Protein backbone atom coordinates (compact mmCIF):
# COMPACT_ATOMS: atom_id res chain seq x y z
CA MET A 1 108.95 51.23 152.20
CA ALA A 2 106.24 51.91 154.47
CA LEU A 3 106.09 51.15 158.20
CA VAL A 4 103.67 48.83 159.21
CA LEU A 5 102.66 48.10 162.77
CA VAL A 6 101.23 44.27 163.15
CA ALA A 7 99.44 43.95 166.61
CA GLU A 8 99.00 40.51 167.23
CA PRO A 9 99.22 38.22 170.19
CA SER A 10 100.00 34.92 168.12
CA VAL A 11 103.84 34.43 167.22
CA ALA A 12 103.11 32.20 164.71
CA VAL A 13 100.29 34.48 163.10
CA ALA A 14 102.71 37.55 163.49
CA GLY A 15 105.35 35.93 161.89
CA ALA A 16 103.41 35.14 158.84
CA LEU A 17 102.27 38.61 158.36
CA ARG A 18 105.56 40.19 158.83
CA ARG A 19 106.94 37.66 156.10
CA PHE A 20 103.86 38.70 153.87
CA LEU A 21 104.57 42.38 154.51
CA GLU A 22 108.19 42.29 154.35
CA GLY A 23 108.18 40.32 151.04
CA ALA A 24 106.05 43.07 149.56
CA GLY A 25 108.80 45.49 150.47
CA HIS A 26 107.61 47.37 153.93
CA GLU A 27 109.27 47.33 157.13
CA VAL A 28 107.57 45.83 159.91
CA LEU A 29 106.92 46.00 163.51
CA VAL A 30 105.45 43.64 165.80
CA ALA A 31 103.67 44.18 169.20
CA GLY A 32 102.09 41.38 171.10
CA ALA A 33 100.04 43.40 173.43
CA VAL A 34 97.29 46.50 172.85
CA GLN A 35 99.20 48.58 175.23
CA GLU A 36 102.48 47.77 173.76
CA ALA A 37 101.01 48.42 170.09
CA LEU A 38 99.67 52.21 171.22
CA GLU A 39 103.00 52.97 172.75
CA ARG A 40 104.84 51.87 169.13
CA VAL A 41 102.35 54.09 167.26
CA ARG A 42 102.95 56.91 169.49
CA GLU A 43 106.65 56.68 169.23
CA LEU A 44 106.80 55.71 165.66
CA ALA A 45 103.82 57.09 163.95
CA PRO A 46 103.49 53.92 161.39
CA VAL A 47 102.15 54.51 157.94
CA LEU A 48 99.56 51.39 158.82
CA VAL A 49 98.62 49.73 161.80
CA LEU A 50 96.99 46.12 161.00
CA SER A 51 95.65 44.43 164.34
CA SER A 52 93.47 41.33 164.99
CA VAL A 53 90.38 41.20 166.66
CA THR A 54 89.87 38.11 169.11
CA GLU A 55 88.50 37.26 172.32
CA SER A 56 91.61 37.61 174.10
CA PHE A 57 93.06 40.84 171.88
CA ASP A 58 90.78 43.99 171.67
CA GLY A 59 92.24 45.17 168.38
CA GLU A 60 88.68 47.26 168.45
CA SER A 61 89.95 49.39 171.26
CA LEU A 62 93.28 50.00 170.00
CA CYS A 63 91.45 51.07 166.76
CA ARG A 64 89.62 53.62 169.04
CA GLN A 65 92.60 54.48 171.00
CA VAL A 66 94.65 55.10 167.74
CA LYS A 67 91.98 57.03 165.98
CA GLU A 68 91.54 59.41 169.20
CA GLU A 69 95.08 60.19 168.99
CA LEU A 70 96.37 60.02 165.65
CA PRO A 71 93.23 60.07 163.75
CA GLY A 72 95.22 60.15 160.06
CA THR A 73 96.51 56.76 160.70
CA PRO A 74 94.79 53.99 158.69
CA VAL A 75 93.81 50.93 160.77
CA LEU A 76 93.22 47.57 159.32
CA LEU A 77 91.23 45.12 161.30
CA LEU A 78 91.36 41.51 161.21
CA TYR A 79 88.71 39.19 161.99
CA LEU A 80 87.77 35.37 162.81
CA PRO A 81 86.11 33.56 160.40
CA GLU A 82 82.86 33.20 162.43
CA GLU A 83 82.70 36.82 162.83
CA GLU A 84 79.07 37.53 161.52
CA SER A 85 79.07 41.49 161.47
CA PRO A 86 82.86 42.53 160.67
CA GLU A 87 81.72 45.31 158.69
CA THR A 88 79.58 46.76 161.29
CA ARG A 89 82.16 46.36 164.02
CA SER A 90 85.36 47.72 162.07
CA ALA A 91 83.33 50.98 160.87
CA SER A 92 82.10 51.40 164.44
CA ALA A 93 85.94 51.13 165.86
CA GLY A 94 86.73 53.74 163.24
CA ALA A 95 88.91 51.46 161.00
CA GLU A 96 89.35 51.99 157.22
CA ALA A 97 89.24 48.57 156.53
CA CYS A 98 88.86 44.96 157.86
CA LEU A 99 89.47 41.59 156.75
CA VAL A 100 88.03 38.11 157.56
CA GLY A 101 89.78 34.78 157.87
CA PRO A 102 90.84 32.65 156.14
CA LEU A 103 93.42 34.85 154.71
CA LYS A 104 96.44 34.64 152.20
CA ARG A 105 99.47 36.34 151.05
CA ALA A 106 98.02 38.38 148.31
CA THR A 107 94.69 39.36 149.82
CA VAL A 108 96.81 40.94 153.05
CA VAL A 109 99.55 42.33 150.78
CA SER A 110 96.82 44.01 148.36
CA CYS A 111 94.74 45.33 150.65
CA VAL A 112 97.67 46.88 152.69
CA SER A 113 99.38 48.19 149.87
CA LEU A 114 96.01 49.63 148.59
CA MET A 115 95.18 51.27 151.83
CA ILE A 116 98.95 52.95 151.48
CA GLN A 117 98.31 53.91 147.95
CA LEU A 118 94.91 55.67 148.94
CA GLY A 119 96.29 57.37 151.87
CA LYS A 120 98.84 59.25 149.33
CA ALA A 121 95.98 59.96 147.12
CA ARG A 122 94.29 61.60 149.89
CA GLU A 123 97.32 63.96 150.31
CA ALA A 124 96.63 64.64 147.11
CA VAL A 125 93.37 65.65 147.73
CA SER A 126 94.09 67.69 150.46
CA VAL A 127 96.50 69.63 147.97
CA ALA A 128 93.52 70.25 145.87
CA ARG A 129 91.43 71.38 148.40
CA THR A 130 93.67 73.73 149.81
CA GLU A 131 94.42 75.30 146.24
CA MET A 132 90.89 75.74 145.88
CA GLN A 133 90.40 77.78 149.09
CA LEU A 134 93.77 79.60 148.41
CA LEU A 135 91.97 80.74 144.87
CA GLN A 136 88.74 81.95 146.85
CA GLN A 137 90.65 84.00 149.25
CA GLN A 138 92.98 85.21 146.49
CA GLY A 139 90.27 85.75 143.78
CA SER A 140 92.18 83.96 141.19
CA ARG A 141 90.62 83.43 137.97
CA ARG A 142 92.22 79.78 137.81
CA GLU A 143 90.00 76.80 137.28
CA ALA A 144 88.79 74.82 139.88
CA THR A 145 90.56 71.63 139.11
CA ALA A 146 93.21 69.50 140.96
CA PRO A 147 96.71 70.65 140.43
CA LEU A 148 98.29 68.63 137.42
CA SER A 149 100.69 66.49 139.13
CA ASP A 150 97.89 65.71 141.77
CA LEU A 151 95.50 64.68 138.98
CA GLU A 152 98.45 62.53 137.04
CA PHE A 153 98.86 60.57 140.22
CA PHE A 154 95.39 59.76 141.25
CA LYS A 155 95.25 58.66 137.28
CA ARG A 156 98.00 56.51 137.69
CA LEU A 157 96.52 55.38 140.90
CA LEU A 158 93.10 54.36 139.33
CA PHE A 159 95.09 52.69 136.45
CA MET A 160 96.93 50.26 138.93
CA GLU A 161 93.69 49.53 140.91
CA VAL A 162 92.06 48.19 137.81
CA LYS A 163 94.93 45.89 137.13
CA ARG A 164 95.00 44.88 141.13
CA SER A 165 90.96 44.08 141.02
CA ARG A 166 91.31 42.03 137.85
CA ARG A 167 94.20 39.89 139.64
CA TYR A 168 92.75 39.68 143.20
CA ARG A 169 89.35 39.89 142.08
CA TYR A 170 87.64 42.55 143.88
CA PRO A 171 85.14 44.73 142.81
CA ILE A 172 85.84 48.54 142.38
CA THR A 173 83.54 51.63 141.24
CA TYR A 174 83.89 54.49 139.69
CA LEU A 175 81.54 57.47 139.82
CA LEU A 176 81.33 60.50 137.85
CA LEU A 177 79.52 63.85 139.53
CA GLU A 178 78.71 66.81 137.83
CA PRO A 179 76.32 69.46 138.60
CA ASP A 180 73.11 70.16 136.63
CA ARG A 181 73.13 72.77 134.20
CA TYR A 182 76.34 73.86 134.76
CA ALA A 183 76.26 76.24 132.18
CA GLU A 184 73.30 78.28 133.72
CA THR A 185 73.88 77.35 137.34
CA LEU A 186 77.53 77.68 138.18
CA ALA A 187 79.60 79.01 134.95
CA PRO A 188 78.25 82.31 134.82
CA LEU A 189 79.18 83.03 138.58
CA PRO A 190 82.12 85.48 139.24
CA PRO A 191 85.16 82.69 139.45
CA PRO A 192 86.17 83.19 143.17
CA VAL A 193 81.95 82.31 143.81
CA ARG A 194 82.32 79.75 141.37
CA THR A 195 85.27 78.30 143.08
CA SER A 196 83.65 78.57 146.67
CA ALA A 197 80.49 76.71 145.54
CA LEU A 198 82.70 73.84 144.11
CA ALA A 199 85.11 73.50 147.02
CA GLU A 200 81.93 73.40 149.05
CA MET A 201 80.22 70.97 146.78
CA LEU A 202 83.94 68.76 147.19
CA ARG A 203 83.31 69.13 151.02
CA HIS A 204 79.72 67.56 151.01
CA ILE A 205 80.91 65.12 148.90
CA SER A 206 83.89 64.25 150.80
CA ASP A 207 81.73 63.89 154.00
CA GLY A 208 79.21 61.40 152.41
CA LEU A 209 82.70 59.26 151.92
CA ARG A 210 84.51 56.16 154.07
CA ASP A 211 88.25 56.93 154.58
CA ILE A 212 89.46 54.87 152.11
CA ASP A 213 87.23 56.37 149.26
CA VAL A 214 88.57 58.91 147.16
CA ALA A 215 87.11 61.98 145.68
CA VAL A 216 89.21 64.58 143.55
CA PRO A 217 87.95 67.33 140.89
CA PHE A 218 88.62 65.69 137.50
CA ALA A 219 87.63 68.66 135.10
CA GLU A 220 85.74 71.94 135.37
CA GLY A 221 82.54 71.22 137.28
CA ARG A 222 83.37 67.16 137.60
CA PHE A 223 84.44 65.08 139.93
CA ILE A 224 85.74 61.46 139.97
CA ILE A 225 85.08 59.43 143.08
CA PHE A 226 86.72 56.00 143.22
CA LEU A 227 85.34 53.49 145.72
CA PRO A 228 87.35 50.15 146.57
CA TYR A 229 85.73 47.02 147.33
CA THR A 230 82.25 48.13 146.26
CA PRO A 231 80.02 46.59 144.44
CA TYR A 232 77.16 47.42 141.97
CA GLU A 233 74.17 47.77 144.74
CA GLY A 234 76.80 49.51 147.24
CA ALA A 235 77.76 51.86 144.57
CA LEU A 236 74.21 52.76 144.00
CA VAL A 237 73.75 53.42 147.75
CA VAL A 238 76.54 55.64 147.60
CA ALA A 239 75.85 57.38 144.40
CA GLU A 240 72.14 58.48 145.95
CA ARG A 241 73.74 59.76 149.34
CA LEU A 242 76.02 62.10 147.21
CA ARG A 243 73.43 63.10 144.95
CA GLN A 244 71.36 64.14 148.07
CA ARG A 245 74.36 65.80 149.69
CA VAL A 246 74.96 68.29 146.60
CA LYS A 247 71.62 69.77 147.69
CA GLN A 248 73.02 70.78 151.01
CA VAL A 249 75.45 73.35 149.26
CA GLU A 250 74.20 76.59 150.55
CA SER A 251 76.24 78.75 148.18
CA VAL A 252 74.13 77.73 145.38
CA GLN A 253 70.48 77.42 145.84
CA GLY A 254 68.58 74.76 144.32
CA LEU A 255 71.70 73.10 142.95
CA THR A 256 71.62 69.43 141.88
CA ALA A 257 73.62 66.77 140.53
CA SER A 258 73.68 63.69 138.26
CA LEU A 259 75.85 60.62 138.77
CA GLY A 260 77.27 58.11 136.41
CA VAL A 261 78.48 54.73 138.22
CA ALA A 262 80.63 52.49 136.43
CA VAL A 263 81.29 49.08 138.60
CA PHE A 264 83.62 46.43 137.87
CA GLU A 265 82.93 42.88 139.57
CA PRO A 266 85.16 40.20 138.52
CA SER A 267 84.08 36.50 139.22
CA ALA A 268 86.19 33.91 141.53
CA ALA A 269 86.73 32.07 138.15
CA LYS A 270 89.69 31.82 135.96
CA GLY A 271 89.84 34.42 133.07
CA GLN A 272 89.27 37.78 133.71
CA ALA A 273 86.81 40.03 131.01
CA GLN A 274 88.67 42.66 129.34
CA VAL A 275 88.52 45.77 131.32
CA SER A 276 90.55 48.70 131.66
CA PHE A 277 90.44 52.23 133.70
CA GLY A 278 89.53 53.83 130.10
CA SER A 279 86.46 51.41 129.21
CA LEU A 280 85.25 52.07 132.96
CA MET A 281 85.82 55.92 132.41
CA LYS A 282 83.80 55.93 129.22
CA GLU A 283 81.07 53.72 130.59
CA ALA A 284 80.85 56.25 133.70
CA GLY A 285 80.63 59.28 131.07
CA GLU A 286 77.93 57.87 129.45
CA ALA A 287 75.99 56.89 132.35
CA LEU A 288 76.35 60.43 133.42
CA ARG A 289 75.25 61.57 130.00
CA ARG A 290 72.29 59.37 130.35
CA ALA A 291 71.44 60.84 133.58
CA GLN A 292 71.44 64.42 132.41
CA ALA A 293 69.54 63.45 129.15
CA ASP A 294 66.70 62.41 131.20
CA GLY A 295 66.43 65.28 133.09
CA GLY A 296 69.10 65.37 136.05
CA ASP A 297 69.15 64.86 139.55
CA ARG A 298 69.77 61.20 139.29
CA VAL A 299 71.86 58.49 139.15
CA VAL A 300 72.28 56.07 136.27
CA GLY A 301 74.86 52.97 136.01
CA ARG A 302 75.48 49.48 135.59
CA ALA A 303 78.03 46.83 136.46
CA VAL A 304 80.72 46.81 133.88
CA ALA A 305 82.20 43.08 132.12
CA SER A 306 80.42 41.40 135.09
CA GLU A 307 81.67 37.76 134.63
CA PRO A 308 78.94 35.25 134.99
CA ALA A 309 78.92 31.79 137.05
CA ALA A 310 81.20 32.05 140.46
CA SER A 311 80.60 34.32 143.01
CA VAL A 312 83.09 37.69 144.00
CA ALA A 313 86.11 36.28 145.68
CA SER A 314 86.30 39.43 148.01
CA GLU A 315 83.08 40.02 150.20
CA PRO A 316 83.19 43.84 150.06
CA ALA A 317 81.11 45.89 152.83
CA ALA A 318 83.31 48.81 154.72
CA SER A 319 86.33 48.17 152.96
CA ALA A 320 86.13 44.46 153.65
CA ALA A 321 87.81 41.43 152.32
CA SER A 322 88.09 37.39 152.80
CA ASP A 323 89.89 34.72 151.58
CA ASP A 324 90.58 30.84 152.04
CA ALA A 325 92.95 29.89 154.87
CA PRO A 326 92.78 27.08 157.71
CA PRO A 327 90.10 27.95 160.41
CA ASP A 328 92.60 29.20 162.93
CA THR A 329 92.52 32.12 160.44
CA THR A 330 96.54 31.24 160.32
CA PRO A 331 97.79 33.03 157.37
CA GLN A 332 98.92 31.21 154.34
CA GLU A 333 101.81 31.47 152.11
């Protein structure tokens, strides 16, 4: 059970959101004013803050204050259907995600659950980073990979997210990143130096991602990056950004990396194509090998099992999604 704070002035809307989230097993607090919501955050430290943004309720201001005082608290902003740039506005406010009305139960619950689970995954990543730093300081000869328990947790998360993507029809992306010519550039280095370089690489990768994205060491010299609510074109943009960030690693001069991209973009139509975590990982791995075979320092990938016809139900951006509901954005069962 997770404690979720709903910041919403409308009693009807707040009540609907409460029912949605309590039905999913969460504990819900409701605040009808920005200052009240901020006080609840300070006192109770909820796992997630869900806030409306309207002319009469400045959810963006609430988000900025939460991020200033408790930067680790995820914030999900809800915008009216007529909002033209929710992704830009929510990103400027520092929110991890936004939903644009109209809304339904499944959309709200799935997004909230995803954000909570990704928060747990980020904690696992933090553990992995800490271990890598300790290895560097102690000069250990252990390989620079995530602890088994954390990696297994991350794998379970990815398995679940593929199923969730198929059910709620939002796009997800997996990236596999590996330094080029690893056997020549990194493998010969002393273990502490190699560990330091991999830790620095992970730091640059993480700095190039959104807060809801997750990157972890997946094998010796290889990283897996999970991007929820990210379609193919957006995935290519992120992959290119990460490719450039690897070049910023200072401990190994001239270091480059290649990335394999696998994207699942389910359609809004009924009947899902057969896709799994394994098939996405296989596609990302094959794309990575093609990038390396073509000389490295490049990105290769394609959309996996994209279904024809209907458009994607969720409109991704800075962790955004939308669904169908009445014009007043009152959540529907």
